[in-house]
């Protein structure tokens, strides 16, 4: 069972990387929230990732932060409110710090 979790976490990481790599041009799957849901799952199983996978995650997260303003325009804030992620899951608020007051 543990091997399946590790394999799933690695697969979710790979999907997240592919989605983030498409930034800022767009989300190839048409659902920005799916990318952020995937990032939630990665966080849940983060301790199962290898050192190299953690480095890949950091690189993907940095790219997500870099294009946060582009992502923010497409985040369904109603969905975010319904699932109520903890504030520590910063990716749900990515780009908001750049929002003009």
Protein backbone atom coordinates (compact mmCIF):
# COMPACT_ATOMS: atom_id res chain seq x y z
CA UNK A 1 0.00 0.00 0.00
CA UNK A 2 2.80 2.45 0.87
CA UNK A 3 4.40 1.87 -2.53
CA UNK A 4 1.11 2.77 -4.21
CA UNK A 5 0.95 6.04 -2.27
CA UNK A 6 4.53 6.91 -3.22
CA UNK A 7 3.80 6.07 -6.85
CA UNK A 8 0.59 8.13 -6.80
CA UNK A 9 2.35 11.11 -5.21
CA UNK A 10 5.04 10.97 -7.88
CA UNK A 11 2.41 10.73 -10.63
CA UNK A 12 0.48 13.69 -9.23
CA UNK A 13 3.72 15.66 -9.02
CA UNK A 14 4.45 14.90 -12.67
CA UNK A 15 0.97 16.09 -13.69
CA UNK A 16 1.36 19.25 -11.59
CA UNK A 17 4.72 19.92 -13.24
CA UNK A 18 3.19 19.55 -16.72
CA UNK A 19 0.36 21.92 -15.88
CA UNK A 20 2.63 24.54 -14.32
CA UNK A 21 5.04 24.29 -17.26
CA UNK A 22 2.24 25.61 -19.50
CA UNK A 23 2.10 28.89 -17.58
CA UNK A 24 1.53 31.69 -18.44
CA UNK A 25 -0.04 30.57 -21.72
CA UNK A 26 -2.84 28.70 -20.09
CA UNK A 27 -4.05 25.56 -18.51
CA UNK A 28 -4.20 22.76 -21.09
CA UNK A 29 -6.98 21.02 -19.19
CA UNK A 30 -9.18 24.09 -18.83
CA UNK A 31 -9.53 23.73 -15.09
CA UNK A 32 -7.12 25.75 -13.00
CA UNK A 33 -8.67 24.36 -9.85
CA UNK A 34 -7.59 20.84 -10.85
CA UNK A 35 -3.98 22.00 -10.75
CA UNK A 36 -4.49 23.41 -7.26
CA UNK A 37 -6.37 20.31 -6.07
CA UNK A 38 -3.40 18.28 -7.28
CA UNK A 39 -1.07 20.53 -5.32
CA UNK A 40 -3.21 19.81 -2.22
CA UNK A 41 -2.68 16.08 -2.72
CA UNK A 42 1.05 16.55 -3.16
CA UNK A 43 1.14 18.44 0.14
CA UNK A 44 -0.74 15.60 1.84
CA UNK A 45 1.87 13.05 0.72
CA UNK A 46 4.88 15.37 0.59
CA UNK A 47 6.82 13.31 3.13
CA UNK A 48 6.70 10.39 0.68
CA UNK A 49 8.58 12.31 -2.01
CA UNK A 50 12.29 11.77 -2.60
CA UNK A 51 14.83 14.58 -2.36
CA UNK A 52 14.88 14.98 -6.14
CA UNK A 53 11.08 15.04 -6.28
CA UNK A 54 11.04 17.72 -3.59
CA UNK A 55 13.43 19.78 -5.72
CA UNK A 56 11.11 19.35 -8.69
CA UNK A 57 8.17 20.42 -6.53
CA UNK A 58 10.05 23.53 -5.41
CA UNK A 59 10.83 24.43 -9.03
CA UNK A 60 7.18 23.95 -10.07
CA UNK A 61 5.98 25.99 -7.08
CA UNK A 62 8.40 28.78 -7.99
CA UNK A 63 6.99 28.86 -11.51
CA UNK A 64 3.45 28.95 -10.12
CA UNK A 65 4.42 31.91 -7.92
CA UNK A 66 6.10 33.64 -10.86
CA UNK A 67 2.87 33.54 -12.85
CA UNK A 68 0.56 33.96 -9.88
CA UNK A 69 -1.22 37.00 -11.27
CA UNK A 70 -2.11 35.09 -14.46
CA UNK A 71 -3.39 32.12 -12.45
CA UNK A 72 -5.36 34.30 -10.03
CA UNK A 73 -7.58 35.59 -12.84
CA UNK A 74 -8.89 32.08 -13.42
CA UNK A 75 -9.22 30.68 -9.91
CA UNK A 76 -12.81 29.97 -8.99
CA UNK A 77 -12.94 31.74 -5.63
CA UNK A 78 -16.39 30.27 -4.98
CA UNK A 79 -14.90 26.79 -5.25
CA UNK A 80 -12.04 27.82 -3.00
CA UNK A 81 -14.51 29.07 -0.41
CA UNK A 82 -16.50 25.82 -0.57
CA UNK A 83 -13.48 23.59 0.02
CA UNK A 84 -12.02 26.04 2.54
CA UNK A 85 -8.33 25.14 2.25
CA UNK A 86 -6.03 26.17 5.09
CA UNK A 87 -4.16 29.42 4.52
CA UNK A 88 -0.94 27.39 4.64
CA UNK A 89 -1.95 26.10 1.20
CA UNK A 90 -0.70 29.32 -0.34
CA UNK A 91 -1.34 28.15 -3.93
CA UNK A 92 -5.07 28.83 -3.51
CA UNK A 93 -4.22 32.52 -2.99
CA UNK A 94 -1.34 32.74 -5.45
CA UNK A 95 -1.12 36.15 -7.06
CA UNK A 96 -3.50 37.83 -4.65
CA UNK A 97 -0.66 39.69 -3.01
CA UNK A 98 -0.20 41.35 -6.41
CA UNK A 99 -3.84 42.46 -6.61
CA UNK A 100 -4.18 46.23 -6.83
CA UNK A 101 -5.90 47.79 -3.83
